[in-house]
N, C-alpha and C. Protein backbone atom coordinates (compact mmCIF):
# COMPACT_ATOMS: atom_id res chain seq x y z
N UNK A 1 74.48 76.90 128.15
CA UNK A 1 73.17 76.35 128.53
C UNK A 1 73.31 74.95 129.10
N UNK A 2 74.17 74.12 128.51
CA UNK A 2 74.39 72.77 129.02
C UNK A 2 74.85 72.81 130.47
N UNK A 3 75.78 73.72 130.76
CA UNK A 3 76.29 73.83 132.13
C UNK A 3 75.18 74.21 133.09
N UNK A 4 74.31 75.14 132.69
CA UNK A 4 73.21 75.57 133.55
C UNK A 4 72.27 74.41 133.85
N UNK A 5 71.91 73.63 132.82
CA UNK A 5 70.98 72.53 133.02
C UNK A 5 71.58 71.45 133.90
N UNK A 6 72.83 71.12 133.67
CA UNK A 6 73.48 70.08 134.47
C UNK A 6 73.59 70.50 135.92
N UNK A 7 73.98 71.74 136.13
CA UNK A 7 74.11 72.24 137.50
C UNK A 7 72.77 72.23 138.20
N UNK A 8 71.73 72.60 137.50
CA UNK A 8 70.39 72.64 138.10
C UNK A 8 69.93 71.26 138.53
N UNK A 9 70.39 70.22 137.86
CA UNK A 9 69.94 68.87 138.17
C UNK A 9 70.25 68.47 139.59
N UNK A 10 71.16 69.13 140.24
CA UNK A 10 71.48 68.85 141.64
C UNK A 10 71.05 70.00 142.55
N UNK A 11 70.04 70.76 142.11
CA UNK A 11 69.46 71.84 142.91
C UNK A 11 70.47 72.95 143.18
N UNK A 12 71.42 73.14 142.29
CA UNK A 12 72.47 74.10 142.58
C UNK A 12 72.61 75.14 141.49
N UNK A 13 71.52 75.42 140.81
CA UNK A 13 71.52 76.49 139.83
C UNK A 13 70.88 77.72 140.44
N UNK A 14 70.57 78.69 139.62
CA UNK A 14 69.88 79.89 140.11
C UNK A 14 68.41 79.62 140.35
N UNK A 15 67.89 78.46 140.01
CA UNK A 15 66.50 78.05 140.24
C UNK A 15 65.51 78.88 139.44
N UNK A 16 65.93 79.45 138.36
CA UNK A 16 65.02 80.23 137.55
C UNK A 16 64.55 79.46 136.32
N UNK A 17 65.08 78.27 136.10
CA UNK A 17 64.75 77.47 134.93
C UNK A 17 63.59 76.53 135.24
N UNK A 18 62.57 76.53 134.38
CA UNK A 18 61.42 75.66 134.58
C UNK A 18 61.76 74.25 134.15
N UNK A 19 61.73 73.30 135.10
CA UNK A 19 62.10 71.92 134.80
C UNK A 19 61.03 71.26 133.95
N UNK A 20 61.44 70.50 132.94
CA UNK A 20 60.49 69.76 132.12
C UNK A 20 59.77 68.72 132.97
N UNK A 21 58.44 68.66 132.85
CA UNK A 21 57.63 67.77 133.67
C UNK A 21 57.87 66.32 133.30
N UNK A 22 57.96 65.47 134.31
CA UNK A 22 57.99 64.04 134.13
C UNK A 22 56.75 63.47 134.79
N UNK A 23 56.62 62.14 134.83
CA UNK A 23 55.37 61.53 135.28
C UNK A 23 54.97 61.99 136.67
N UNK A 24 55.88 61.91 137.62
CA UNK A 24 55.53 62.27 138.99
C UNK A 24 55.22 63.76 139.11
N UNK A 25 55.99 64.58 138.44
CA UNK A 25 55.78 66.02 138.54
C UNK A 25 54.55 66.49 137.78
N UNK A 26 53.93 65.61 136.99
CA UNK A 26 52.70 65.96 136.30
C UNK A 26 51.46 65.69 137.15
N UNK A 27 51.63 65.04 138.29
CA UNK A 27 50.49 64.71 139.13
C UNK A 27 49.83 65.99 139.64
N UNK A 28 48.49 66.04 139.57
CA UNK A 28 47.76 67.28 139.85
C UNK A 28 47.70 67.64 141.33
N UNK A 29 47.84 66.66 142.22
CA UNK A 29 47.72 66.93 143.66
C UNK A 29 48.95 66.38 144.39
N UNK A 30 50.13 66.92 144.12
CA UNK A 30 51.37 66.33 144.64
C UNK A 30 51.46 66.33 146.17
N UNK A 31 50.87 67.32 146.83
CA UNK A 31 50.97 67.37 148.28
C UNK A 31 50.17 66.27 148.96
N UNK A 32 49.28 65.62 148.21
CA UNK A 32 48.50 64.52 148.77
C UNK A 32 49.32 63.24 148.89
N UNK A 33 50.37 63.10 148.10
CA UNK A 33 51.13 61.85 148.04
C UNK A 33 51.87 61.58 149.34
N UNK A 34 51.97 60.29 149.67
CA UNK A 34 52.75 59.91 150.85
C UNK A 34 51.91 59.20 151.90
N UNK A 35 52.50 59.08 153.08
CA UNK A 35 51.88 58.39 154.21
C UNK A 35 51.35 59.39 155.22
N UNK A 36 50.07 59.28 155.50
CA UNK A 36 49.40 60.17 156.45
C UNK A 36 48.96 59.38 157.67
N UNK A 37 49.11 59.98 158.86
CA UNK A 37 48.82 59.27 160.11
C UNK A 37 47.90 60.10 161.01
N UNK A 38 46.93 59.40 161.57
CA UNK A 38 46.08 59.95 162.62
C UNK A 38 46.24 59.09 163.86
N UNK A 39 46.35 59.73 165.04
CA UNK A 39 46.49 59.01 166.30
C UNK A 39 45.43 59.50 167.27
N UNK A 40 44.80 58.56 167.95
CA UNK A 40 43.80 58.91 168.96
C UNK A 40 44.48 59.61 170.13
N UNK A 41 43.77 60.53 170.74
CA UNK A 41 44.32 61.26 171.89
C UNK A 41 44.12 60.52 173.20
N UNK A 42 43.43 59.37 173.17
CA UNK A 42 43.26 58.59 174.40
C UNK A 42 43.51 57.12 174.11
N UNK A 43 43.84 56.36 175.14
CA UNK A 43 44.20 54.96 174.99
C UNK A 43 43.04 54.09 174.52
N UNK A 44 41.82 54.51 174.83
CA UNK A 44 40.65 53.71 174.45
C UNK A 44 40.34 53.83 172.97
N UNK A 45 40.85 54.87 172.33
CA UNK A 45 40.61 55.06 170.91
C UNK A 45 39.27 55.70 170.63
N UNK A 46 38.93 55.73 169.36
CA UNK A 46 37.67 56.29 168.88
C UNK A 46 36.80 55.16 168.36
N UNK A 47 35.54 55.14 168.78
CA UNK A 47 34.65 54.06 168.36
C UNK A 47 34.01 54.37 167.02
N UNK A 48 33.97 53.36 166.15
CA UNK A 48 33.32 53.46 164.85
C UNK A 48 32.74 52.11 164.48
N UNK A 49 31.43 52.07 164.29
CA UNK A 49 30.73 50.85 163.90
C UNK A 49 31.04 49.69 164.84
N UNK A 50 31.06 50.00 166.14
CA UNK A 50 31.25 48.97 167.14
C UNK A 50 32.68 48.58 167.42
N UNK A 51 33.65 49.19 166.73
CA UNK A 51 35.06 48.91 166.95
C UNK A 51 35.77 50.17 167.44
N UNK A 52 36.81 49.98 168.26
CA UNK A 52 37.60 51.10 168.75
C UNK A 52 38.95 51.12 168.05
N UNK A 53 39.31 52.29 167.52
CA UNK A 53 40.55 52.44 166.76
C UNK A 53 41.43 53.50 167.42
N UNK A 54 42.73 53.20 167.49
CA UNK A 54 43.68 54.12 168.12
C UNK A 54 44.58 54.84 167.13
N UNK A 55 44.65 54.35 165.89
CA UNK A 55 45.50 55.00 164.89
C UNK A 55 45.01 54.61 163.49
N UNK A 56 45.36 55.46 162.54
CA UNK A 56 44.97 55.22 161.15
C UNK A 56 46.06 55.75 160.23
N UNK A 57 46.37 54.98 159.21
CA UNK A 57 47.37 55.36 158.20
C UNK A 57 46.72 55.29 156.82
N UNK A 58 46.86 56.36 156.04
CA UNK A 58 46.41 56.36 154.65
C UNK A 58 47.60 56.67 153.76
N UNK A 59 47.81 55.84 152.75
CA UNK A 59 48.89 56.07 151.79
C UNK A 59 48.28 56.34 150.42
N UNK A 60 48.68 57.45 149.80
CA UNK A 60 48.23 57.81 148.46
C UNK A 60 49.40 57.74 147.49
N UNK A 61 49.17 57.21 146.28
CA UNK A 61 50.19 57.17 145.25
C UNK A 61 49.75 57.98 144.04
N UNK A 62 50.71 58.29 143.17
CA UNK A 62 50.41 59.06 141.97
C UNK A 62 49.68 58.24 140.92
N UNK A 63 49.55 56.93 141.13
CA UNK A 63 48.75 56.08 140.24
C UNK A 63 47.29 56.05 140.67
N UNK A 64 46.93 56.90 141.64
CA UNK A 64 45.58 56.98 142.19
C UNK A 64 45.19 55.70 142.94
N UNK A 65 46.18 55.04 143.52
CA UNK A 65 45.94 53.93 144.43
C UNK A 65 46.01 54.43 145.87
N UNK A 66 45.29 53.77 146.75
CA UNK A 66 45.37 54.10 148.17
C UNK A 66 45.36 52.82 148.99
N UNK A 67 45.91 52.91 150.20
CA UNK A 67 45.84 51.84 151.19
C UNK A 67 45.48 52.49 152.52
N UNK A 68 44.49 51.93 153.20
CA UNK A 68 44.08 52.40 154.53
C UNK A 68 44.37 51.30 155.54
N UNK A 69 45.06 51.65 156.61
CA UNK A 69 45.33 50.70 157.71
C UNK A 69 44.78 51.30 158.99
N UNK A 70 43.97 50.51 159.69
CA UNK A 70 43.34 50.94 160.94
C UNK A 70 43.85 50.06 162.08
N UNK A 71 44.39 50.69 163.11
CA UNK A 71 44.88 49.96 164.28
C UNK A 71 43.80 49.94 165.34
N UNK A 72 43.35 48.74 165.68
CA UNK A 72 42.32 48.60 166.71
C UNK A 72 42.95 48.72 168.10
N UNK A 73 42.08 48.97 169.08
CA UNK A 73 42.55 49.10 170.47
C UNK A 73 43.15 47.80 170.98
N UNK A 74 42.75 46.65 170.40
CA UNK A 74 43.29 45.36 170.85
C UNK A 74 44.60 45.01 170.14
N UNK A 75 45.10 45.90 169.27
CA UNK A 75 46.37 45.68 168.59
C UNK A 75 46.26 45.08 167.21
N UNK A 76 45.10 44.61 166.80
CA UNK A 76 44.93 44.05 165.46
C UNK A 76 44.78 45.18 164.44
N UNK A 77 44.99 44.84 163.17
CA UNK A 77 44.99 45.84 162.11
C UNK A 77 43.98 45.46 161.03
N UNK A 78 43.13 46.40 160.67
CA UNK A 78 42.25 46.26 159.51
C UNK A 78 42.88 47.00 158.34
N UNK A 79 42.75 46.43 157.15
CA UNK A 79 43.33 47.07 155.96
C UNK A 79 42.38 46.94 154.79
N UNK A 80 42.28 48.01 154.01
CA UNK A 80 41.57 47.94 152.74
C UNK A 80 42.25 48.89 151.76
N UNK A 81 42.11 48.58 150.49
CA UNK A 81 42.80 49.35 149.47
C UNK A 81 41.95 49.43 148.21
N UNK A 82 42.34 50.33 147.34
CA UNK A 82 41.61 50.51 146.10
C UNK A 82 42.14 51.71 145.35
N UNK A 83 41.25 52.40 144.66
CA UNK A 83 41.62 53.59 143.91
C UNK A 83 40.78 54.77 144.37
N UNK A 84 41.32 55.97 144.14
CA UNK A 84 40.63 57.17 144.58
C UNK A 84 40.53 58.18 143.44
N UNK A 85 39.51 59.02 143.52
CA UNK A 85 39.37 60.20 142.68
C UNK A 85 39.38 61.41 143.59
N UNK A 86 39.91 62.51 143.11
CA UNK A 86 40.06 63.68 143.98
C UNK A 86 39.88 64.95 143.17
N UNK A 87 39.27 65.96 143.82
CA UNK A 87 39.27 67.31 143.27
C UNK A 87 39.73 68.26 144.37
N UNK A 88 39.44 69.52 144.26
CA UNK A 88 39.96 70.49 145.21
C UNK A 88 39.37 70.36 146.61
N UNK A 89 38.19 69.76 146.74
CA UNK A 89 37.52 69.71 148.04
C UNK A 89 37.06 68.33 148.47
N UNK A 90 36.95 67.38 147.53
CA UNK A 90 36.39 66.07 147.85
C UNK A 90 37.28 64.95 147.34
N UNK A 91 37.21 63.81 148.03
CA UNK A 91 37.94 62.63 147.62
C UNK A 91 37.01 61.43 147.70
N UNK A 92 37.07 60.56 146.69
CA UNK A 92 36.23 59.37 146.62
C UNK A 92 37.12 58.14 146.71
N UNK A 93 36.82 57.24 147.65
CA UNK A 93 37.52 55.97 147.78
C UNK A 93 36.69 54.87 147.14
N UNK A 94 37.31 54.08 146.27
CA UNK A 94 36.64 52.95 145.63
C UNK A 94 37.44 51.68 145.89
N UNK A 95 36.75 50.65 146.38
CA UNK A 95 37.41 49.40 146.70
C UNK A 95 36.47 48.25 146.39
N UNK A 96 37.04 47.10 146.03
CA UNK A 96 36.22 45.94 145.68
C UNK A 96 35.49 45.36 146.88
N UNK A 97 36.00 45.59 148.10
CA UNK A 97 35.40 44.99 149.29
C UNK A 97 34.81 46.01 150.25
N UNK A 98 34.64 47.27 149.78
CA UNK A 98 34.05 48.32 150.61
C UNK A 98 33.10 49.16 149.76
N UNK A 99 32.04 49.70 150.36
CA UNK A 99 31.18 50.62 149.60
C UNK A 99 31.97 51.87 149.21
N UNK A 100 31.59 52.47 148.10
CA UNK A 100 32.22 53.73 147.68
C UNK A 100 31.99 54.79 148.73
N UNK A 101 33.04 55.56 149.03
CA UNK A 101 32.96 56.57 150.08
C UNK A 101 33.36 57.93 149.53
N UNK A 102 32.55 58.94 149.83
CA UNK A 102 32.83 60.32 149.46
C UNK A 102 33.14 61.11 150.72
N UNK A 103 34.28 61.80 150.74
CA UNK A 103 34.70 62.57 151.90
C UNK A 103 35.15 63.96 151.46
N UNK A 104 34.94 64.94 152.33
CA UNK A 104 35.52 66.26 152.12
C UNK A 104 36.89 66.31 152.79
N UNK A 105 37.77 67.16 152.27
CA UNK A 105 39.11 67.23 152.85
C UNK A 105 39.68 68.63 152.68
N UNK A 106 40.70 68.92 153.49
CA UNK A 106 41.55 70.10 153.34
C UNK A 106 43.00 69.63 153.40
N UNK A 107 43.88 70.34 152.70
CA UNK A 107 45.24 69.84 152.52
C UNK A 107 46.25 70.97 152.59
N UNK A 108 47.35 70.72 153.31
CA UNK A 108 48.53 71.57 153.24
C UNK A 108 49.72 70.66 152.99
N UNK A 109 50.93 71.21 153.03
CA UNK A 109 52.10 70.40 152.70
C UNK A 109 52.38 69.30 153.72
N UNK A 110 51.85 69.41 154.96
CA UNK A 110 52.08 68.34 155.93
C UNK A 110 50.87 68.05 156.82
N UNK A 111 49.71 68.61 156.47
CA UNK A 111 48.48 68.36 157.22
C UNK A 111 47.37 68.00 156.23
N UNK A 112 46.59 66.98 156.60
CA UNK A 112 45.50 66.48 155.77
C UNK A 112 44.29 66.29 156.69
N UNK A 113 43.24 67.07 156.48
CA UNK A 113 42.05 66.99 157.32
C UNK A 113 40.96 66.30 156.52
N UNK A 114 40.54 65.13 156.98
CA UNK A 114 39.55 64.31 156.28
C UNK A 114 38.30 64.23 157.14
N UNK A 115 37.23 64.88 156.69
CA UNK A 115 35.98 64.93 157.46
C UNK A 115 36.22 65.34 158.91
N UNK A 116 37.11 66.28 159.13
CA UNK A 116 37.38 66.79 160.47
C UNK A 116 38.49 66.08 161.21
N UNK A 117 38.91 64.90 160.75
CA UNK A 117 40.02 64.18 161.39
C UNK A 117 41.34 64.67 160.81
N UNK A 118 42.26 65.07 161.67
CA UNK A 118 43.52 65.66 161.23
C UNK A 118 44.62 64.61 161.14
N UNK A 119 45.21 64.47 159.94
CA UNK A 119 46.31 63.56 159.69
C UNK A 119 47.60 64.37 159.49
N UNK A 120 48.71 63.76 159.87
CA UNK A 120 50.03 64.37 159.68
C UNK A 120 50.86 63.48 158.78
N UNK A 121 51.57 64.09 157.83
CA UNK A 121 52.45 63.32 156.95
C UNK A 121 53.79 63.08 157.64
N UNK A 122 54.28 61.85 157.56
CA UNK A 122 55.56 61.50 158.17
C UNK A 122 56.56 61.12 157.09
N UNK A 123 57.77 61.63 157.24
CA UNK A 123 58.85 61.33 156.29
C UNK A 123 59.51 60.00 156.66
N UNK A 124 60.18 59.35 155.70
CA UNK A 124 60.91 58.12 156.01
C UNK A 124 61.95 58.35 157.11
N UNK A 125 62.15 57.34 157.91
CA UNK A 125 63.12 57.44 158.99
C UNK A 125 64.50 57.75 158.43
N UNK A 126 65.21 58.65 159.08
CA UNK A 126 66.59 59.03 158.76
C UNK A 126 66.74 59.95 157.55
N UNK A 127 65.65 60.29 156.87
CA UNK A 127 65.79 61.23 155.75
C UNK A 127 65.87 62.69 156.21
N UNK A 128 65.01 63.14 157.12
CA UNK A 128 65.13 64.54 157.57
C UNK A 128 66.47 64.80 158.24
N UNK A 129 66.99 65.99 158.02
CA UNK A 129 68.26 66.38 158.63
C UNK A 129 69.01 67.35 157.75
N UNK A 130 70.18 67.75 158.23
CA UNK A 130 71.07 68.64 157.48
C UNK A 130 72.12 67.78 156.79
N UNK A 131 72.23 67.94 155.47
CA UNK A 131 73.15 67.14 154.67
C UNK A 131 74.12 68.05 153.93
N UNK A 132 75.38 67.62 153.87
CA UNK A 132 76.41 68.39 153.16
C UNK A 132 77.10 67.48 152.15
N UNK A 133 77.30 67.99 150.94
CA UNK A 133 77.88 67.19 149.87
C UNK A 133 79.37 66.95 150.12
N UNK A 134 79.75 65.67 150.18
CA UNK A 134 81.17 65.32 150.27
C UNK A 134 81.75 65.04 148.89
N UNK A 135 80.86 64.73 147.93
CA UNK A 135 81.34 64.50 146.56
C UNK A 135 80.20 64.79 145.59
N UNK A 136 80.50 65.51 144.53
CA UNK A 136 79.55 65.78 143.45
C UNK A 136 80.21 65.38 142.15
N UNK A 137 79.57 64.52 141.39
CA UNK A 137 80.14 64.07 140.13
C UNK A 137 79.18 64.40 138.99
N UNK A 138 79.77 64.64 137.82
CA UNK A 138 78.97 64.98 136.66
C UNK A 138 79.64 66.06 135.85
N UNK A 139 79.29 66.14 134.60
CA UNK A 139 79.93 67.08 133.68
C UNK A 139 79.80 68.52 134.15
N UNK A 140 80.92 69.22 134.22
CA UNK A 140 80.99 70.66 134.44
C UNK A 140 80.69 71.12 135.87
N UNK A 141 80.22 70.22 136.75
CA UNK A 141 79.81 70.68 138.08
C UNK A 141 80.98 71.21 138.88
N UNK A 142 82.09 70.49 138.89
CA UNK A 142 83.24 70.90 139.69
C UNK A 142 83.77 72.27 139.30
N UNK A 143 83.46 72.70 138.08
CA UNK A 143 83.97 73.99 137.62
C UNK A 143 83.19 75.16 138.19
N UNK A 144 82.01 74.90 138.76
CA UNK A 144 81.13 76.00 139.16
C UNK A 144 80.69 75.95 140.62
N UNK A 145 80.78 74.80 141.27
CA UNK A 145 80.25 74.65 142.62
C UNK A 145 81.35 74.17 143.56
N UNK A 146 81.46 74.82 144.72
CA UNK A 146 82.44 74.39 145.72
C UNK A 146 81.78 73.88 146.99
N UNK A 147 80.47 74.06 147.15
CA UNK A 147 79.79 73.57 148.34
C UNK A 147 78.30 73.47 148.13
N UNK A 148 77.69 72.46 148.76
CA UNK A 148 76.25 72.25 148.66
C UNK A 148 75.74 71.64 149.96
N UNK A 149 74.76 72.28 150.57
CA UNK A 149 74.12 71.76 151.79
C UNK A 149 72.61 71.78 151.60
N UNK A 150 71.95 70.74 152.09
CA UNK A 150 70.49 70.64 151.99
C UNK A 150 69.92 70.31 153.36
N UNK A 151 68.95 71.10 153.78
CA UNK A 151 68.21 70.81 155.00
C UNK A 151 66.83 70.30 154.61
N UNK A 152 66.55 69.03 154.96
CA UNK A 152 65.24 68.43 154.75
C UNK A 152 64.55 68.33 156.11
N UNK A 153 63.55 69.15 156.31
CA UNK A 153 62.88 69.17 157.60
C UNK A 153 61.81 68.07 157.67
N UNK A 154 61.51 67.56 158.87
CA UNK A 154 60.48 66.51 158.99
C UNK A 154 59.08 66.99 158.64
N UNK A 155 58.86 68.31 158.59
CA UNK A 155 57.55 68.84 158.19
C UNK A 155 57.47 69.10 156.69
N UNK A 156 58.44 68.58 155.91
CA UNK A 156 58.46 68.63 154.45
C UNK A 156 58.75 70.02 153.88
N UNK A 157 59.43 70.83 154.65
CA UNK A 157 60.03 72.05 154.13
C UNK A 157 61.52 71.79 153.91
N UNK A 158 62.11 72.47 152.94
CA UNK A 158 63.54 72.29 152.68
C UNK A 158 64.20 73.64 152.43
N UNK A 159 65.51 73.65 152.59
CA UNK A 159 66.32 74.79 152.17
C UNK A 159 67.63 74.25 151.60
N UNK A 160 68.17 74.95 150.63
CA UNK A 160 69.41 74.56 149.98
C UNK A 160 70.37 75.74 150.03
N UNK A 161 71.61 75.48 150.41
CA UNK A 161 72.66 76.49 150.37
C UNK A 161 73.73 76.04 149.37
N UNK A 162 74.06 76.93 148.46
CA UNK A 162 75.02 76.64 147.41
C UNK A 162 76.15 77.66 147.46
N UNK A 163 77.38 77.17 147.40
CA UNK A 163 78.54 78.05 147.35
C UNK A 163 79.21 77.90 145.99
N UNK A 164 79.33 79.01 145.28
CA UNK A 164 79.95 78.99 143.96
C UNK A 164 81.44 79.22 144.03
N UNK A 165 82.09 79.07 142.89
CA UNK A 165 83.54 79.27 142.83
C UNK A 165 83.93 80.72 143.08
N UNK A 166 82.94 81.62 142.99
CA UNK A 166 83.22 83.03 143.29
C UNK A 166 83.11 83.32 144.78
N UNK A 167 82.81 82.28 145.59
CA UNK A 167 82.71 82.45 147.03
C UNK A 167 81.36 82.91 147.52
N UNK A 168 80.44 83.21 146.62
CA UNK A 168 79.12 83.69 147.02
C UNK A 168 78.20 82.53 147.39
N UNK A 169 77.34 82.77 148.40
CA UNK A 169 76.38 81.78 148.86
C UNK A 169 74.99 82.15 148.37
N UNK A 170 74.23 81.13 147.98
CA UNK A 170 72.83 81.32 147.61
C UNK A 170 71.98 80.34 148.41
N UNK A 171 70.80 80.80 148.84
CA UNK A 171 69.89 79.94 149.59
C UNK A 171 68.54 79.89 148.89
N UNK A 172 67.97 78.69 148.82
CA UNK A 172 66.67 78.48 148.19
C UNK A 172 65.80 77.68 149.15
N UNK A 173 64.50 78.00 149.18
CA UNK A 173 63.57 77.36 150.11
C UNK A 173 62.32 76.89 149.39
N UNK A 174 61.66 75.86 149.94
CA UNK A 174 60.42 75.38 149.36
C UNK A 174 59.87 74.19 150.11
N UNK A 175 59.07 73.40 149.40
CA UNK A 175 58.40 72.21 149.93
C UNK A 175 58.87 71.01 149.13
N UNK A 176 59.05 69.87 149.80
CA UNK A 176 59.39 68.65 149.07
C UNK A 176 58.35 67.58 149.33
N UNK A 177 58.22 66.65 148.37
CA UNK A 177 57.38 65.48 148.57
C UNK A 177 58.08 64.27 147.98
N UNK A 178 57.61 63.08 148.37
CA UNK A 178 58.30 61.84 148.07
C UNK A 178 57.35 60.80 147.49
N UNK A 179 57.91 59.93 146.66
CA UNK A 179 57.22 58.70 146.28
C UNK A 179 58.27 57.67 145.90
N UNK A 180 58.21 56.52 146.56
CA UNK A 180 59.22 55.48 146.39
C UNK A 180 60.60 56.11 146.63
N UNK A 181 61.51 56.02 145.66
CA UNK A 181 62.85 56.60 145.85
C UNK A 181 62.99 57.95 145.14
N UNK A 182 61.87 58.58 144.84
CA UNK A 182 61.89 59.87 144.16
C UNK A 182 61.61 61.00 145.15
N UNK A 183 62.33 62.08 144.98
CA UNK A 183 62.10 63.29 145.77
C UNK A 183 61.90 64.45 144.81
N UNK A 184 60.84 65.21 145.05
CA UNK A 184 60.53 66.37 144.21
C UNK A 184 60.58 67.61 145.08
N UNK A 185 61.33 68.60 144.63
CA UNK A 185 61.42 69.89 145.30
C UNK A 185 60.51 70.88 144.59
N UNK A 186 59.60 71.47 145.35
CA UNK A 186 58.73 72.53 144.83
C UNK A 186 59.24 73.87 145.33
N UNK A 187 59.38 74.81 144.44
CA UNK A 187 59.89 76.13 144.81
C UNK A 187 59.15 77.17 143.99
N UNK A 188 59.47 78.41 144.19
CA UNK A 188 58.67 79.50 143.64
C UNK A 188 58.56 79.45 142.12
N UNK A 189 59.62 79.07 141.44
CA UNK A 189 59.64 79.15 139.98
C UNK A 189 59.46 77.82 139.27
N UNK A 190 59.23 76.73 140.00
CA UNK A 190 59.07 75.45 139.33
C UNK A 190 59.21 74.28 140.27
N UNK A 191 59.64 73.14 139.73
CA UNK A 191 59.80 71.93 140.52
C UNK A 191 60.87 71.07 139.87
N UNK A 192 61.46 70.18 140.68
CA UNK A 192 62.54 69.34 140.17
C UNK A 192 62.51 67.98 140.85
N UNK A 193 62.64 66.92 140.05
CA UNK A 193 62.61 65.56 140.57
C UNK A 193 63.99 64.92 140.50
N UNK A 194 64.38 64.22 141.55
CA UNK A 194 65.60 63.44 141.58
C UNK A 194 65.32 62.12 142.29
N UNK A 195 66.29 61.23 142.25
CA UNK A 195 66.20 59.98 142.98
C UNK A 195 67.11 60.07 144.21
N UNK A 196 66.68 59.42 145.30
CA UNK A 196 67.50 59.45 146.50
C UNK A 196 67.68 58.04 147.06
N UNK A 197 68.77 57.87 147.80
CA UNK A 197 69.06 56.60 148.45
C UNK A 197 69.77 56.88 149.76
N UNK A 198 69.24 56.31 150.84
CA UNK A 198 69.87 56.44 152.15
C UNK A 198 70.82 55.27 152.36
N UNK A 199 72.07 55.58 152.75
CA UNK A 199 73.07 54.55 152.95
C UNK A 199 73.21 54.18 154.41
N UNK A 200 73.69 52.96 154.65
CA UNK A 200 73.91 52.49 156.02
C UNK A 200 75.01 53.28 156.71
N UNK A 201 75.86 53.94 155.94
CA UNK A 201 76.98 54.72 156.50
C UNK A 201 76.60 56.18 156.72
N UNK A 202 75.29 56.43 156.93
CA UNK A 202 74.80 57.78 157.23
C UNK A 202 75.02 58.74 156.06
N UNK A 203 74.78 58.23 154.85
CA UNK A 203 74.91 59.05 153.65
C UNK A 203 73.56 59.13 152.92
N UNK A 204 73.42 60.17 152.15
CA UNK A 204 72.26 60.37 151.28
C UNK A 204 72.80 60.61 149.88
N UNK A 205 72.41 59.74 148.94
CA UNK A 205 72.84 59.89 147.55
C UNK A 205 71.69 60.47 146.74
N UNK A 206 71.95 61.58 146.07
CA UNK A 206 70.98 62.21 145.18
C UNK A 206 71.48 62.07 143.76
N UNK A 207 70.60 61.65 142.86
CA UNK A 207 71.02 61.45 141.48
C UNK A 207 69.95 61.94 140.52
N UNK A 208 70.39 62.25 139.33
CA UNK A 208 69.50 62.66 138.26
C UNK A 208 69.94 61.92 137.00
N UNK A 209 69.17 60.93 136.58
CA UNK A 209 69.55 60.09 135.46
C UNK A 209 69.59 60.87 134.15
N UNK A 210 68.73 61.87 134.03
CA UNK A 210 68.67 62.64 132.79
C UNK A 210 70.00 63.32 132.47
N UNK A 211 70.67 63.82 133.53
CA UNK A 211 71.92 64.54 133.33
C UNK A 211 73.14 63.76 133.79
N UNK A 212 72.95 62.52 134.26
CA UNK A 212 74.08 61.72 134.69
C UNK A 212 74.79 62.29 135.90
N UNK A 213 74.01 62.87 136.83
CA UNK A 213 74.58 63.55 137.98
C UNK A 213 74.42 62.72 139.25
N UNK A 214 75.33 62.91 140.19
CA UNK A 214 75.23 62.23 141.48
C UNK A 214 75.93 63.07 142.55
N UNK A 215 75.28 63.18 143.71
CA UNK A 215 75.87 63.87 144.85
C UNK A 215 75.81 62.95 146.06
N UNK A 216 76.94 62.77 146.72
CA UNK A 216 77.01 61.99 147.95
C UNK A 216 76.98 62.98 149.11
N UNK A 217 75.94 62.88 149.93
CA UNK A 217 75.74 63.82 151.03
C UNK A 217 76.03 63.12 152.36
N UNK A 218 76.72 63.82 153.25
CA UNK A 218 76.98 63.34 154.60
C UNK A 218 76.08 64.09 155.58
N UNK A 219 75.53 63.34 156.55
CA UNK A 219 74.67 63.98 157.54
C UNK A 219 75.50 64.84 158.49
N UNK A 220 75.04 66.07 158.71
CA UNK A 220 75.66 66.95 159.69
C UNK A 220 74.91 66.89 161.02
N UNK A 221 73.60 66.71 160.97
CA UNK A 221 72.78 66.44 162.16
C UNK A 221 71.43 65.96 161.73
């Protein structure tokens, strides 16, 4: 059992084990988290309350904080922040310097429609791509795994290919989301959280503090 849990910590188990929930994985609306962007389809922007805006960014956190940034047509930026409440169909923005706002929304893993305005979630620069493990460290891992590749797509879909010591390949697919340096993989049978770090040498380090695991990934493309 120890070997199974440790191996799973790097997304390289059979994926049938339900991961114990931690703070981020307990959040009720995980697909909402992250940075969402709307861009005007014309250079003049969209007029609202006498101002023209060409882009908008909304960031949601698992602490129920939000930040809204509005890019005006003249290049200046308006910003306001506060806390939000959310259910399956509505979201409420509360801020000390703005009236409370109630909006309807629809949500998918990479699309957020707020009162008819369509936002797209963007991943951090250099994170999407195909990654292959050049080194995996941790108890018992080397005895069971000979290869690990992860494809993180910019639309927040992922796939993992694992090669075992028996030469067999397994592939797993799902949705991922991010907050700070945490990455959570959602898949059919559960979810799993790890920490990630992008290196200047075109590497991606994935770690799991609970199991003392670390994988150094090299970008393939």
